[in-house]
Amino acid sequence: MIENLIAVDVETTGIDANKNSLVSIGAVSISDPTNTFYRECVVWDGALITEEALRVNGFTHDQIVDAKKNNKTTEGGMIGEFFAWLPDSPMMIAHNSSFDRDFVAAAAKRAGLINPFSFRTVDIHSIVMLHLLRSKSKVPKTLSLNQCLKRLGFPPEPNPHNALTGAQCDAVLFDKVLNYDGEEQLGLL
C-alpha cells in the first residue's frame, strides 16, 4: 500500500479551484523519495490571477500566461503528465489536503481527465496534530507547514519554495509521524 502514497503540493493563482488555475505541481513517492515529479504550466484561458497568490508562490504574471515565451505546457498538459507519472490507485498526502485535492480535481475536470485520487487524501496538518496530542506536546492554535516542520524537528521549507519542496516537506513529516518510534527517516531535508 505504501507504493500508492504520494506527497503532493500545488502552487496556484488563488484559492478557488474553479476560478483560479494551477501554476505548478510537485510530488514525491513515499516508497521511493528519489522518484519525484515537478512541472510548471501556464494558466487556462480566463483563470483569475490574484496578486496575493503570486506573492506567495513567487511566479510573475508573465511567467504564467505566455506559453510560447516561457516554453511551458498548459494546465491540462501538466495534469495529464502528472497523472501518467502516478502509480495505480494513488493516495494524496498534502498539508491542507483538501486545497491540493480540489485543485487537482478541477484541473482534471477542465482537461476532461478522470482524477485518479478521487477523495483519498491524508492531511499532514491533521496527522501532525494527532502526533503532538499523542506525544503530549503543546498544540498551537494553527499549524502552518513551517510550524509542523519545526514541531517535529525539521528546518523550515526552503525559501524561495516551490511545489516540489512543499511535497518533500510533506513527505518527511508523514514519514516522521509514521515512524515516530525512531525508525530511519526519509532524509529529504
Protein backbone atom coordinates (compact mmCIF):
# COMPACT_ATOMS: atom_id res chain seq x y z
CA MET A 1 0.00 0.00 0.00
CA ILE A 2 2.85 2.44 0.70
CA GLU A 3 3.70 2.35 -3.04
CA ASN A 4 0.45 4.25 -3.66
CA LEU A 5 1.18 7.11 -1.24
CA ILE A 6 2.20 10.33 -2.99
CA ALA A 7 3.06 13.61 -1.23
CA VAL A 8 1.69 16.46 -3.35
CA ASP A 9 1.91 20.24 -3.31
CA VAL A 10 0.44 22.70 -5.79
CA GLU A 11 1.02 26.37 -6.49
CA THR A 12 -1.97 28.30 -7.81
CA THR A 13 -3.25 31.72 -8.87
CA GLY A 14 -5.66 31.94 -5.91
CA ILE A 15 -7.75 29.89 -3.51
CA ASP A 16 -10.80 28.94 -5.63
CA ALA A 17 -10.16 25.77 -7.63
CA ASN A 18 -12.97 26.62 -10.05
CA LYS A 19 -11.85 30.20 -10.77
CA ASN A 20 -8.08 30.01 -10.28
CA SER A 21 -5.50 27.90 -12.10
CA LEU A 22 -2.68 25.61 -11.14
CA VAL A 23 0.77 27.01 -12.00
CA SER A 24 2.87 24.08 -10.72
CA ILE A 25 2.66 20.63 -9.19
CA GLY A 26 5.31 18.89 -7.11
CA ALA A 27 5.10 15.30 -5.91
CA VAL A 28 7.21 12.70 -4.09
CA SER A 29 6.65 8.96 -3.90
CA ILE A 30 6.65 7.91 -0.24
CA SER A 31 8.01 4.45 -1.10
CA ASP A 32 10.87 5.92 -3.17
CA PRO A 33 11.59 9.57 -2.28
CA THR A 34 14.03 9.84 -5.19
CA ASN A 35 11.03 9.40 -7.51
CA THR A 36 9.75 12.97 -7.86
CA PHE A 37 7.58 15.00 -10.22
CA TYR A 38 7.75 18.75 -10.84
CA ARG A 39 6.14 20.74 -13.65
CA GLU A 40 5.07 24.31 -14.24
CA CYS A 41 2.35 25.47 -16.61
CA VAL A 42 0.59 28.49 -17.98
CA VAL A 43 -2.88 29.27 -16.67
CA TRP A 44 -6.05 28.28 -18.50
CA ASP A 45 -7.76 30.98 -20.55
CA GLY A 46 -9.99 33.03 -18.28
CA ALA A 47 -8.40 31.93 -15.00
CA LEU A 48 -8.50 34.51 -12.22
CA ILE A 49 -4.99 35.56 -11.14
CA THR A 50 -4.60 37.20 -7.73
CA GLU A 51 -1.57 39.26 -6.78
CA GLU A 52 -1.61 37.74 -3.29
CA ALA A 53 -1.17 34.23 -4.72
CA LEU A 54 1.70 35.39 -6.91
CA ARG A 55 3.41 36.92 -3.85
CA VAL A 56 3.08 33.56 -2.07
CA ASN A 57 4.32 31.35 -4.91
CA GLY A 58 6.85 33.73 -6.47
CA PHE A 59 5.59 33.46 -10.04
CA THR A 60 5.15 36.60 -12.11
CA HIS A 61 2.16 37.31 -14.31
CA ASP A 62 4.35 36.99 -17.42
CA GLN A 63 5.68 33.58 -16.32
CA ILE A 64 2.20 32.05 -16.13
CA VAL A 65 0.37 33.50 -19.13
CA ASP A 66 2.65 33.18 -22.17
CA ALA A 67 3.25 29.52 -23.10
CA LYS A 68 5.46 30.23 -26.11
CA LYS A 69 7.65 32.79 -24.37
CA ASN A 70 8.10 30.60 -21.29
CA ASN A 71 8.17 27.20 -23.05
CA LYS A 72 5.54 25.80 -20.68
CA THR A 73 2.68 23.42 -21.20
CA THR A 74 -0.95 24.17 -20.48
CA GLU A 75 -2.61 23.31 -17.19
CA GLY A 76 -4.30 20.37 -18.97
CA GLY A 77 -0.98 19.18 -20.37
CA MET A 78 0.66 19.37 -16.95
CA ILE A 79 -2.14 17.50 -15.18
CA GLY A 80 -2.02 14.80 -17.88
CA GLU A 81 1.76 14.38 -17.37
CA PHE A 82 1.22 14.22 -13.62
CA PHE A 83 -1.45 11.53 -13.90
CA ALA A 84 0.79 9.50 -16.24
CA TRP A 85 3.58 9.65 -13.59
CA LEU A 86 1.33 8.39 -10.76
CA PRO A 87 1.09 4.75 -9.65
CA ASP A 88 -2.20 2.87 -9.87
CA SER A 89 -4.76 3.89 -7.22
CA PRO A 90 -2.71 6.72 -5.69
CA MET A 91 -3.49 8.34 -2.35
CA MET A 92 -2.57 12.01 -1.90
CA ILE A 93 -0.68 13.27 1.15
CA ALA A 94 -0.64 17.05 1.48
CA HIS A 95 -0.65 19.86 4.01
CA ASN A 96 -4.22 21.18 3.93
CA SER A 97 -5.01 18.31 1.58
CA SER A 98 -8.48 19.49 0.56
CA PHE A 99 -6.89 22.52 -1.15
CA ASP A 100 -4.46 20.44 -3.23
CA ARG A 101 -7.09 17.76 -3.89
CA ASP A 102 -9.65 20.29 -5.10
CA PHE A 103 -7.19 21.99 -7.47
CA VAL A 104 -6.05 18.67 -8.94
CA ALA A 105 -9.70 17.60 -9.37
CA ALA A 106 -10.72 20.91 -11.00
CA ALA A 107 -7.74 20.79 -13.39
CA ALA A 108 -8.61 17.20 -14.31
CA LYS A 109 -12.22 18.18 -14.99
CA ARG A 110 -11.15 21.12 -17.20
CA ALA A 111 -8.84 18.75 -19.12
CA GLY A 112 -11.51 16.06 -19.48
CA LEU A 113 -9.48 13.58 -17.41
CA ILE A 114 -10.51 11.25 -14.62
CA ASN A 115 -8.94 12.23 -11.31
CA PRO A 116 -7.15 9.10 -10.02
CA PHE A 117 -7.08 10.40 -6.44
CA SER A 118 -10.85 10.59 -6.02
CA PHE A 119 -11.31 11.65 -2.39
CA ARG A 120 -8.45 9.58 -0.95
CA THR A 121 -6.21 12.04 0.92
CA VAL A 122 -4.10 12.17 4.06
CA ASP A 123 -3.86 15.61 5.64
CA ILE A 124 -0.42 16.48 7.07
CA HIS A 125 -1.88 19.18 9.33
CA SER A 126 -4.21 16.61 10.91
CA ILE A 127 -1.64 13.85 11.42
CA VAL A 128 0.92 16.26 12.89
CA MET A 129 -1.75 17.50 15.31
CA LEU A 130 -2.55 13.88 16.23
CA HIS A 131 1.17 13.18 16.71
CA LEU A 132 1.52 16.21 19.00
CA LEU A 133 -1.53 15.15 21.02
CA ARG A 134 -0.25 11.56 21.34
CA SER A 135 3.17 12.76 22.47
CA LYS A 136 1.51 15.16 24.93
CA SER A 137 3.20 18.13 23.24
CA LYS A 138 1.69 21.59 23.26
CA VAL A 139 -0.54 22.02 20.21
CA PRO A 140 -0.55 25.54 18.74
CA LYS A 141 -3.75 27.22 17.52
CA THR A 142 -2.56 26.97 13.92
CA LEU A 143 -0.15 24.60 12.21
CA SER A 144 1.35 26.04 9.03
CA LEU A 145 3.70 23.78 7.12
CA ASN A 146 6.70 25.51 8.68
CA GLN A 147 5.17 25.16 12.16
CA CYS A 148 4.64 21.44 11.51
CA LEU A 149 8.26 21.11 10.41
CA LYS A 150 9.54 22.99 13.46
CA ARG A 151 7.38 20.99 15.89
CA LEU A 152 8.74 17.72 14.51
CA GLY A 153 12.39 18.84 14.50
CA PHE A 154 12.94 19.82 10.85
CA PRO A 155 14.20 23.08 9.35
CA PRO A 156 11.66 25.32 7.61
CA GLU A 157 10.76 24.87 3.97
CA PRO A 158 13.47 26.36 1.74
CA ASN A 159 12.90 29.95 0.69
CA PRO A 160 12.11 30.52 -2.07
CA HIS A 161 9.94 27.44 -2.08
CA ASN A 162 8.22 25.64 -4.92
CA ALA A 163 5.69 22.85 -5.20
CA LEU A 164 8.41 20.17 -5.11
CA THR A 165 9.97 21.45 -1.88
CA GLY A 166 6.47 21.60 -0.38
CA ALA A 167 5.83 17.98 -1.38
CA GLN A 168 9.22 16.95 0.05
CA CYS A 169 8.33 18.63 3.35
CA ASP A 170 5.00 16.79 3.39
CA ALA A 171 6.85 13.52 2.76
CA VAL A 172 9.30 13.93 5.65
CA LEU A 173 6.52 14.92 8.03
CA PHE A 174 4.45 11.90 7.00
CA ASP A 175 7.48 9.64 7.45
CA LYS A 176 8.29 11.13 10.86
CA VAL A 177 4.74 10.57 12.14
CA LEU A 178 4.54 7.10 10.57
CA ASN A 179 7.85 6.09 12.13
CA TYR A 180 7.65 8.12 15.35
CA ASP A 181 9.26 5.28 17.31
CA GLY A 182 12.69 6.13 15.91
CA GLU A 183 12.97 4.20 12.66
CA GLU A 184 15.13 5.76 9.96
CA GLN A 185 13.57 8.80 8.28
CA LEU A 186 13.49 9.64 4.56
CA GLY A 187 16.24 12.25 4.90
CA LEU A 188 14.88 14.64 2.25
CA LEU A 189 15.69 17.84 4.13
